[in-house]
Amino acid sequence: MQLQVTDQPMFAVAGFLQHTKEGTWFAMVTCDPNELVAPIHPKAMITILKPEDHGRWIPRSLDDVIELQRPYADCEMTVRGPTFPTRER
């Protein structure tokens, strides 16, 4: 899937970074898909942050994490990729 955010030149993806003695681990946070992503990936999409939300994510209270874990507006992005009509939501 190729995703482009059209309302900002570069975008941030919500995620968690954990350093351990075994290595460094990173996980992207997902949310429900918007209308553009759903035909391609019906279960989830990455959580894209607006620039004004970066400061809320970095110190991340649990309330902020829950509130920011939302689909990005489909009118502010484009998506290309194969659709999977046989996948169930």
PDB file of N, CA and C in Angstrom:
ATOM      1  N   MET A   1       0.846  -1.164   0.000  1.00  0.00           N
ATOM      2  CA  MET A   1       0.000   0.000   0.000  1.00  0.00           C
ATOM      3  C   MET A   1       0.897   1.235   0.000  1.00  0.00           C
ATOM      4  N   GLN A   2       0.569   2.197  -0.829  1.00  0.00           N
ATOM      5  CA  GLN A   2       1.283   3.469  -0.869  1.00  0.00           C
ATOM      6  C   GLN A   2       0.353   4.545  -0.329  1.00  0.00           C
ATOM      7  N   LEU A   3       0.815   5.231   0.697  1.00  0.00           N
ATOM      8  CA  LEU A   3       0.008   6.226   1.380  1.00  0.00           C
ATOM      9  C   LEU A   3       0.701   7.576   1.285  1.00  0.00           C
ATOM     10  N   GLN A   4      -0.068   8.619   0.988  1.00  0.00           N
ATOM     11  CA  GLN A   4       0.475   9.975   0.961  1.00  0.00           C
ATOM     12  C   GLN A   4      -0.439  10.888   1.753  1.00  0.00           C
ATOM     13  N   VAL A   5       0.140  11.633   2.671  1.00  0.00           N
ATOM     14  CA  VAL A   5      -0.601  12.636   3.424  1.00  0.00           C
ATOM     15  C   VAL A   5      -0.476  13.931   2.638  1.00  0.00           C
ATOM     16  N   THR A   6      -1.600  14.534   2.260  1.00  0.00           N
ATOM     17  CA  THR A   6      -1.575  15.687   1.365  1.00  0.00           C
ATOM     18  C   THR A   6      -1.609  17.030   2.081  1.00  0.00           C
ATOM     19  N   ASP A   7      -1.872  17.051   3.376  1.00  0.00           N
ATOM     20  CA  ASP A   7      -1.967  18.335   4.082  1.00  0.00           C
ATOM     21  C   ASP A   7      -0.710  18.695   4.859  1.00  0.00           C
ATOM     22  N   GLN A   8       0.347  17.880   4.755  1.00  0.00           N
ATOM     23  CA  GLN A   8       1.618  18.206   5.392  1.00  0.00           C
ATOM     24  C   GLN A   8       2.744  17.557   4.588  1.00  0.00           C
ATOM     25  N   PRO A   9       3.907  18.212   4.483  1.00  0.00           N
ATOM     26  CA  PRO A   9       4.979  17.687   3.633  1.00  0.00           C
ATOM     27  C   PRO A   9       5.635  16.412   4.178  1.00  0.00           C
ATOM     28  N   MET A  10       5.632  16.250   5.485  1.00  0.00           N
ATOM     29  CA  MET A  10       6.186  15.060   6.130  1.00  0.00           C
ATOM     30  C   MET A  10       5.282  14.745   7.314  1.00  0.00           C
ATOM     31  N   PHE A  11       5.021  13.471   7.566  1.00  0.00           N
ATOM     32  CA  PHE A  11       4.118  13.162   8.668  1.00  0.00           C
ATOM     33  C   PHE A  11       4.762  12.215   9.668  1.00  0.00           C
ATOM     34  N   ALA A  12       4.234  12.262  10.878  1.00  0.00           N
ATOM     35  CA  ALA A  12       4.721  11.400  11.957  1.00  0.00           C
ATOM     36  C   ALA A  12       3.723  10.281  12.213  1.00  0.00           C
ATOM     37  N   VAL A  13       4.255   9.107  12.489  1.00  0.00           N
ATOM     38  CA  VAL A  13       3.439   7.944  12.827  1.00  0.00           C
ATOM     39  C   VAL A  13       3.573   7.706  14.330  1.00  0.00           C
ATOM     40  N   ALA A  14       2.459   7.495  14.992  1.00  0.00           N
ATOM     41  CA  ALA A  14       2.485   7.217  16.432  1.00  0.00           C
ATOM     42  C   ALA A  14       3.126   5.852  16.671  1.00  0.00           C
ATOM     43  N   GLY A  15       3.997   5.806  17.649  1.00  0.00           N
ATOM     44  CA  GLY A  15       4.657   4.551  17.952  1.00  0.00           C
ATOM     45  C   GLY A  15       5.271   4.563  19.336  1.00  0.00           C
ATOM     46  N   PHE A  16       5.795   3.409  19.719  1.00  0.00           N
ATOM     47  CA  PHE A  16       6.460   3.243  21.008  1.00  0.00           C
ATOM     48  C   PHE A  16       7.848   2.668  20.770  1.00  0.00           C
ATOM     49  N   LEU A  17       8.826   3.197  21.475  1.00  0.00           N
ATOM     50  CA  LEU A  17      10.203   2.741  21.378  1.00  0.00           C
ATOM     51  C   LEU A  17      10.624   2.219  22.745  1.00  0.00           C
ATOM     52  N   GLN A  18      11.236   1.037  22.767  1.00  0.00           N
ATOM     53  CA  GLN A  18      11.671   0.435  24.032  1.00  0.00           C
ATOM     54  C   GLN A  18      13.096  -0.062  23.883  1.00  0.00           C
ATOM     55  N   HIS A  19      13.971   0.432  24.736  1.00  0.00           N
ATOM     56  CA  HIS A  19      15.360  -0.049  24.765  1.00  0.00           C
ATOM     57  C   HIS A  19      15.474  -1.108  25.866  1.00  0.00           C
ATOM     58  N   THR A  20      16.002  -2.261  25.521  1.00  0.00           N
ATOM     59  CA  THR A  20      16.239  -3.321  26.499  1.00  0.00           C
ATOM     60  C   THR A  20      17.661  -3.837  26.297  1.00  0.00           C
ATOM     61  N   LYS A  21      18.105  -4.702  27.172  1.00  0.00           N
ATOM     62  CA  LYS A  21      19.448  -5.252  26.991  1.00  0.00           C
ATOM     63  C   LYS A  21      19.511  -6.199  25.792  1.00  0.00           C
ATOM     64  N   GLU A  22      18.345  -6.691  25.340  1.00  0.00           N
ATOM     65  CA  GLU A  22      18.306  -7.555  24.155  1.00  0.00           C
ATOM     66  C   GLU A  22      18.296  -6.766  22.854  1.00  0.00           C
ATOM     67  N   GLY A  23      17.975  -5.478  22.927  1.00  0.00           N
ATOM     68  CA  GLY A  23      17.925  -4.667  21.718  1.00  0.00           C
ATOM     69  C   GLY A  23      16.931  -3.526  21.849  1.00  0.00           C
ATOM     70  N   THR A  24      16.735  -2.850  20.759  1.00  0.00           N
ATOM     71  CA  THR A  24      15.776  -1.749  20.699  1.00  0.00           C
ATOM     72  C   THR A  24      14.578  -2.204  19.881  1.00  0.00           C
ATOM     73  N   TRP A  25      13.392  -1.923  20.386  1.00  0.00           N
ATOM     74  CA  TRP A  25      12.162  -2.389  19.766  1.00  0.00           C
ATOM     75  C   TRP A  25      11.261  -1.198  19.468  1.00  0.00           C
ATOM     76  N   PHE A  26      10.595  -1.250  18.327  1.00  0.00           N
ATOM     77  CA  PHE A  26       9.683  -0.192  17.928  1.00  0.00           C
ATOM     78  C   PHE A  26       8.385  -0.815  17.445  1.00  0.00           C
ATOM     79  N   ALA A  27       7.279  -0.224  17.842  1.00  0.00           N
ATOM     80  CA  ALA A  27       5.970  -0.680  17.368  1.00  0.00           C
ATOM     81  C   ALA A  27       5.164   0.530  16.929  1.00  0.00           C
ATOM     82  N   MET A  28       4.576   0.448  15.748  1.00  0.00           N
ATOM     83  CA  MET A  28       3.678   1.504  15.288  1.00  0.00           C
ATOM     84  C   MET A  28       2.299   1.268  15.883  1.00  0.00           C
ATOM     85  N   VAL A  29       1.639   2.340  16.254  1.00  0.00           N
ATOM     86  CA  VAL A  29       0.291   2.258  16.805  1.00  0.00           C
ATOM     87  C   VAL A  29      -0.692   2.290  15.641  1.00  0.00           C
ATOM     88  N   THR A  30      -1.662   1.390  15.673  1.00  0.00           N
ATOM     89  CA  THR A  30      -2.679   1.357  14.624  1.00  0.00           C
ATOM     90  C   THR A  30      -4.030   1.794  15.191  1.00  0.00           C
ATOM     91  N   CYS A  31      -4.937   2.064  14.269  1.00  0.00           N
ATOM     92  CA  CYS A  31      -6.299   2.452  14.637  1.00  0.00           C
ATOM     93  C   CYS A  31      -7.245   1.882  13.578  1.00  0.00           C
ATOM     94  N   ASP A  32      -8.517   2.133  13.722  1.00  0.00           N
ATOM     95  CA  ASP A  32      -9.472   1.701  12.699  1.00  0.00           C
ATOM     96  C   ASP A  32      -9.137   2.398  11.381  1.00  0.00           C
ATOM     97  N   PRO A  33      -9.374   1.736  10.248  1.00  0.00           N
ATOM     98  CA  PRO A  33      -9.068   2.368   8.961  1.00  0.00           C
ATOM     99  C   PRO A  33     -10.099   3.434   8.599  1.00  0.00           C
ATOM    100  N   ASN A  34      -9.668   4.426   7.825  1.00  0.00           N
ATOM    101  CA  ASN A  34     -10.631   5.387   7.292  1.00  0.00           C
ATOM    102  C   ASN A  34     -11.220   4.810   6.000  1.00  0.00           C
ATOM    103  N   GLU A  35     -12.065   5.582   5.319  1.00  0.00           N
ATOM    104  CA  GLU A  35     -12.751   5.079   4.121  1.00  0.00           C
ATOM    105  C   GLU A  35     -11.803   4.760   2.965  1.00  0.00           C
ATOM    106  N   LEU A  36     -10.669   5.443   2.882  1.00  0.00           N
ATOM    107  CA  LEU A  36      -9.709   5.159   1.815  1.00  0.00           C
ATOM    108  C   LEU A  36      -8.907   3.891   2.076  1.00  0.00           C
ATOM    109  N   VAL A  37      -8.520   3.679   3.304  1.00  0.00           N
ATOM    110  CA  VAL A  37      -7.676   2.534   3.650  1.00  0.00           C
ATOM    111  C   VAL A  37      -8.485   1.245   3.771  1.00  0.00           C
ATOM    112  N   ALA A  38      -9.718   1.330   4.225  1.00  0.00           N
ATOM    113  CA  ALA A  38     -10.528   0.133   4.502  1.00  0.00           C
ATOM    114  C   ALA A  38     -10.611  -0.866   3.346  1.00  0.00           C
ATOM    115  N   PRO A  39     -10.786  -0.443   2.079  1.00  0.00           N
ATOM    116  CA  PRO A  39     -10.831  -1.440   1.000  1.00  0.00           C
ATOM    117  C   PRO A  39      -9.500  -2.164   0.783  1.00  0.00           C
ATOM    118  N   ILE A  40      -8.401  -1.541   1.202  1.00  0.00           N
ATOM    119  CA  ILE A  40      -7.074  -2.125   1.020  1.00  0.00           C
ATOM    120  C   ILE A  40      -6.661  -2.922   2.247  1.00  0.00           C
ATOM    121  N   HIS A  41      -6.922  -2.340   3.403  1.00  0.00           N
ATOM    122  CA  HIS A  41      -6.548  -2.984   4.668  1.00  0.00           C
ATOM    123  C   HIS A  41      -7.707  -2.788   5.645  1.00  0.00           C
ATOM    124  N   PRO A  42      -8.679  -3.695   5.643  1.00  0.00           N
ATOM    125  CA  PRO A  42      -9.925  -3.487   6.383  1.00  0.00           C
ATOM    126  C   PRO A  42      -9.831  -3.533   7.907  1.00  0.00           C
ATOM    127  N   LYS A  43      -8.737  -4.020   8.453  1.00  0.00           N
ATOM    128  CA  LYS A  43      -8.682  -4.162   9.908  1.00  0.00           C
ATOM    129  C   LYS A  43      -8.042  -2.982  10.620  1.00  0.00           C
ATOM    130  N   ALA A  44      -7.064  -2.330  10.005  1.00  0.00           N
ATOM    131  CA  ALA A  44      -6.354  -1.265  10.713  1.00  0.00           C
ATOM    132  C   ALA A  44      -5.563  -0.403   9.751  1.00  0.00           C
ATOM    133  N   MET A  45      -5.177   0.767  10.236  1.00  0.00           N
ATOM    134  CA  MET A  45      -4.240   1.644   9.545  1.00  0.00           C
ATOM    135  C   MET A  45      -3.289   2.237  10.580  1.00  0.00           C
ATOM    136  N   ILE A  46      -2.152   2.753  10.137  1.00  0.00           N
ATOM    137  CA  ILE A  46      -1.236   3.389  11.060  1.00  0.00           C
ATOM    138  C   ILE A  46      -1.877   4.665  11.608  1.00  0.00           C
ATOM    139  N   THR A  47      -1.510   5.012  12.822  1.00  0.00           N
ATOM    140  CA  THR A  47      -2.006   6.246  13.422  1.00  0.00           C
ATOM    141  C   THR A  47      -1.065   7.370  13.000  1.00  0.00           C
ATOM    142  N   ILE A  48      -1.574   8.277  12.187  1.00  0.00           N
ATOM    143  CA  ILE A  48      -0.809   9.419  11.693  1.00  0.00           C
ATOM    144  C   ILE A  48      -1.132  10.612  12.578  1.00  0.00           C
ATOM    145  N   LEU A  49      -0.091  11.293  13.003  1.00  0.00           N
ATOM    146  CA  LEU A  49      -0.284  12.445  13.888  1.00  0.00           C
ATOM    147  C   LEU A  49      -0.255  13.750  13.107  1.00  0.00           C
ATOM    148  N   LYS A  50      -1.103  14.668  13.487  1.00  0.00           N
ATOM    149  CA  LYS A  50      -1.073  16.036  12.961  1.00  0.00           C
ATOM    150  C   LYS A  50       0.086  16.758  13.653  1.00  0.00           C
ATOM    151  N   PRO A  51       0.704  17.745  12.999  1.00  0.00           N
ATOM    152  CA  PRO A  51       1.812  18.466  13.632  1.00  0.00           C
ATOM    153  C   PRO A  51       1.454  19.048  14.995  1.00  0.00           C
ATOM    154  N   GLU A  52       0.256  19.541  15.145  1.00  0.00           N
ATOM    155  CA  GLU A  52      -0.148  20.125  16.432  1.00  0.00           C
ATOM    156  C   GLU A  52      -0.306  19.078  17.536  1.00  0.00           C
ATOM    157  N   ASP A  53      -0.307  17.802  17.175  1.00  0.00           N
ATOM    158  CA  ASP A  53      -0.438  16.728  18.174  1.00  0.00           C
ATOM    159  C   ASP A  53       0.903  16.111  18.575  1.00  0.00           C
ATOM    160  N   HIS A  54       2.000  16.485  17.907  1.00  0.00           N
ATOM    161  CA  HIS A  54       3.308  15.894  18.227  1.00  0.00           C
ATOM    162  C   HIS A  54       3.662  16.095  19.693  1.00  0.00           C
ATOM    163  N   GLY A  55       3.442  17.282  20.201  1.00  0.00           N
ATOM    164  CA  GLY A  55       3.772  17.577  21.596  1.00  0.00           C
ATOM    165  C   GLY A  55       2.923  16.807  22.586  1.00  0.00           C
ATOM    166  N   ARG A  56       1.731  16.421  22.186  1.00  0.00           N
ATOM    167  CA  ARG A  56       0.878  15.606  23.058  1.00  0.00           C
ATOM    168  C   ARG A  56       1.334  14.157  23.044  1.00  0.00           C
ATOM    169  N   TRP A  57       1.884  13.673  21.930  1.00  0.00           N
ATOM    170  CA  TRP A  57       2.288  12.272  21.847  1.00  0.00           C
ATOM    171  C   TRP A  57       3.581  12.027  22.610  1.00  0.00           C
ATOM    172  N   ILE A  58       4.549  12.901  22.488  1.00  0.00           N
ATOM    173  CA  ILE A  58       5.866  12.662  23.077  1.00  0.00           C
ATOM    174  C   ILE A  58       5.781  12.409  24.588  1.00  0.00           C
ATOM    175  N   PRO A  59       5.143  13.276  25.391  1.00  0.00           N
ATOM    176  CA  PRO A  59       5.051  12.940  26.820  1.00  0.00           C
ATOM    177  C   PRO A  59       3.983  11.885  27.099  1.00  0.00           C
ATOM    178  N   ARG A  60       3.096  11.704  26.197  1.00  0.00           N
ATOM    179  CA  ARG A  60       1.984  10.748  26.146  1.00  0.00           C
ATOM    180  C   ARG A  60       1.415  10.278  27.484  1.00  0.00           C
ATOM    181  N   SER A  61       0.365  10.934  27.860  1.00  0.00           N
ATOM    182  CA  SER A  61      -0.452  10.406  28.948  1.00  0.00           C
ATOM    183  C   SER A  61      -1.356   9.347  28.328  1.00  0.00           C
ATOM    184  N   LEU A  62      -1.897   8.480  29.125  1.00  0.00           N
ATOM    185  CA  LEU A  62      -2.791   7.444  28.599  1.00  0.00           C
ATOM    186  C   LEU A  62      -3.988   8.078  27.909  1.00  0.00           C
ATOM    187  N   ASP A  63      -4.533   9.148  28.467  1.00  0.00           N
ATOM    188  CA  ASP A  63      -5.671   9.828  27.843  1.00  0.00           C
ATOM    189  C   ASP A  63      -5.312  10.365  26.460  1.00  0.00           C
ATOM    190  N   ASP A  64      -4.107  10.951  26.318  1.00  0.00           N
ATOM    191  CA  ASP A  64      -3.678  11.454  25.016  1.00  0.00           C
ATOM    192  C   ASP A  64      -3.499  10.322  24.014  1.00  0.00           C
ATOM    193  N   VAL A  65      -2.892   9.224  24.433  1.00  0.00           N
ATOM    194  CA  VAL A  65      -2.700   8.083  23.537  1.00  0.00           C
ATOM    195  C   VAL A  65      -4.046   7.592  23.014  1.00  0.00           C
ATOM    196  N   ILE A  66      -5.007   7.444  23.876  1.00  0.00           N
ATOM    197  CA  ILE A  66      -6.333   6.959  23.470  1.00  0.00           C
ATOM    198  C   ILE A  66      -7.009   7.949  22.528  1.00  0.00           C
ATOM    199  N   GLU A  67      -6.915   9.231  22.847  1.00  0.00           N
ATOM    200  CA  GLU A  67      -7.561  10.243  22.007  1.00  0.00           C
ATOM    201  C   GLU A  67      -6.900  10.375  20.636  1.00  0.00           C
ATOM    202  N   LEU A  68      -5.582  10.251  20.580  1.00  0.00           N
ATOM    203  CA  LEU A  68      -4.866  10.412  19.318  1.00  0.00           C
ATOM    204  C   LEU A  68      -4.898   9.163  18.438  1.00  0.00           C
ATOM    205  N   GLN A  69      -5.307   8.058  18.972  1.00  0.00           N
ATOM    206  CA  GLN A  69      -5.389   6.808  18.206  1.00  0.00           C
ATOM    207  C   GLN A  69      -6.702   6.803  17.431  1.00  0.00           C
ATOM    208  N   ARG A  70      -6.688   7.561  16.325  1.00  0.00           N
ATOM    209  CA  ARG A  70      -7.895   7.726  15.506  1.00  0.00           C
ATOM    210  C   ARG A  70      -7.499   7.750  14.032  1.00  0.00           C
ATOM    211  N   PRO A  71      -8.425   7.396  13.150  1.00  0.00           N
ATOM    212  CA  PRO A  71      -8.107   7.427  11.719  1.00  0.00           C
ATOM    213  C   PRO A  71      -7.817   8.851  11.251  1.00  0.00           C
ATOM    214  N   TYR A  72      -6.881   8.973  10.331  1.00  0.00           N
ATOM    215  CA  TYR A  72      -6.574  10.260   9.731  1.00  0.00           C
ATOM    216  C   TYR A  72      -7.684  10.590   8.737  1.00  0.00           C
ATOM    217  N   ALA A  73      -7.989  11.853   8.595  1.00  0.00           N
ATOM    218  CA  ALA A  73      -9.071  12.266   7.688  1.00  0.00           C
ATOM    219  C   ALA A  73      -8.766  11.818   6.261  1.00  0.00           C
ATOM    220  N   ASP A  74      -9.699  11.101   5.655  1.00  0.00           N
ATOM    221  CA  ASP A  74      -9.460  10.590   4.306  1.00  0.00           C
ATOM    222  C   ASP A  74      -9.387  11.700   3.262  1.00  0.00           C
ATOM    223  N   CYS A  75      -9.939  12.878   3.553  1.00  0.00           N
ATOM    224  CA  CYS A  75      -9.858  13.991   2.608  1.00  0.00           C
ATOM    225  C   CYS A  75      -8.473  14.640   2.612  1.00  0.00           C
ATOM    226  N   GLU A  76      -7.600  14.238   3.547  1.00  0.00           N
ATOM    227  CA  GLU A  76      -6.260  14.815   3.653  1.00  0.00           C
ATOM    228  C   GLU A  76      -5.165  13.807   3.321  1.00  0.00           C
ATOM    229  N   MET A  77      -5.541  12.781   2.541  1.00  0.00           N
ATOM    230  CA  MET A  77      -4.554  11.781   2.158  1.00  0.00           C
ATOM    231  C   MET A  77      -4.976  11.070   0.882  1.00  0.00           C
ATOM    232  N   THR A  78      -4.032  10.390   0.255  1.00  0.00           N
ATOM    233  CA  THR A  78      -4.318   9.522  -0.878  1.00  0.00           C
ATOM    234  C   THR A  78      -3.723   8.154  -0.566  1.00  0.00           C
ATOM    235  N   VAL A  79      -4.319   7.137  -1.150  1.00  0.00           N
ATOM    236  CA  VAL A  79      -3.873   5.763  -0.918  1.00  0.00           C
ATOM    237  C   VAL A  79      -3.961   5.008  -2.230  1.00  0.00           C
ATOM    238  N   ARG A  80      -2.920   4.211  -2.502  1.00  0.00           N
ATOM    239  CA  ARG A  80      -2.948   3.314  -3.656  1.00  0.00           C
ATOM    240  C   ARG A  80      -2.529   1.932  -3.198  1.00  0.00           C
ATOM    241  N   GLY A  81      -3.193   0.958  -3.719  1.00  0.00           N
ATOM    242  CA  GLY A  81      -2.814  -0.408  -3.400  1.00  0.00           C
ATOM    243  C   GLY A  81      -3.918  -1.369  -3.842  1.00  0.00           C
ATOM    244  N   PRO A  82      -3.637  -2.641  -3.804  1.00  0.00           N
ATOM    245  CA  PRO A  82      -4.655  -3.619  -4.199  1.00  0.00           C
ATOM    246  C   PRO A  82      -5.779  -3.681  -3.169  1.00  0.00           C
ATOM    247  N   THR A  83      -6.977  -3.913  -3.629  1.00  0.00           N
ATOM    248  CA  THR A  83      -8.090  -4.109  -2.710  1.00  0.00           C
ATOM    249  C   THR A  83      -8.244  -5.597  -2.453  1.00  0.00           C
ATOM    250  N   PHE A  84      -8.779  -5.914  -1.308  1.00  0.00           N
ATOM    251  CA  PHE A  84      -8.972  -7.304  -0.910  1.00  0.00           C
ATOM    252  C   PHE A  84     -10.450  -7.549  -0.637  1.00  0.00           C
ATOM    253  N   PRO A  85     -11.249  -7.745  -1.695  1.00  0.00           N
ATOM    254  CA  PRO A  85     -12.694  -7.898  -1.499  1.00  0.00           C
ATOM    255  C   PRO A  85     -13.087  -9.145  -0.733  1.00  0.00           C
ATOM    256  N   THR A  86     -12.186 -10.118  -0.627  1.00  0.00           N
ATOM    257  CA  THR A  86     -12.520 -11.350   0.075  1.00  0.00           C
ATOM    258  C   THR A  86     -12.245 -11.249   1.569  1.00  0.00           C
ATOM    259  N   ARG A  87     -11.536 -10.224   2.007  1.00  0.00           N
ATOM    260  CA  ARG A  87     -11.259 -10.074   3.432  1.00  0.00           C
ATOM    261  C   ARG A  87     -12.483  -9.572   4.161  1.00  0.00           C
ATOM    262  N   GLU A  88     -12.717 -10.140   5.300  1.00  0.00           N
ATOM    263  CA  GLU A  88     -13.815  -9.688   6.139  1.00  0.00           C
ATOM    264  C   GLU A  88     -13.280  -8.690   7.147  1.00  0.00           C
ATOM    265  N   ARG A  89     -14.111  -7.733   7.505  1.00  0.00           N
ATOM    266  CA  ARG A  89     -13.695  -6.735   8.503  1.00  0.00           C
ATOM    267  C   ARG A  89     -13.789  -7.292   9.873  1.00  0.00           C
TER     268      ARG A  89
END
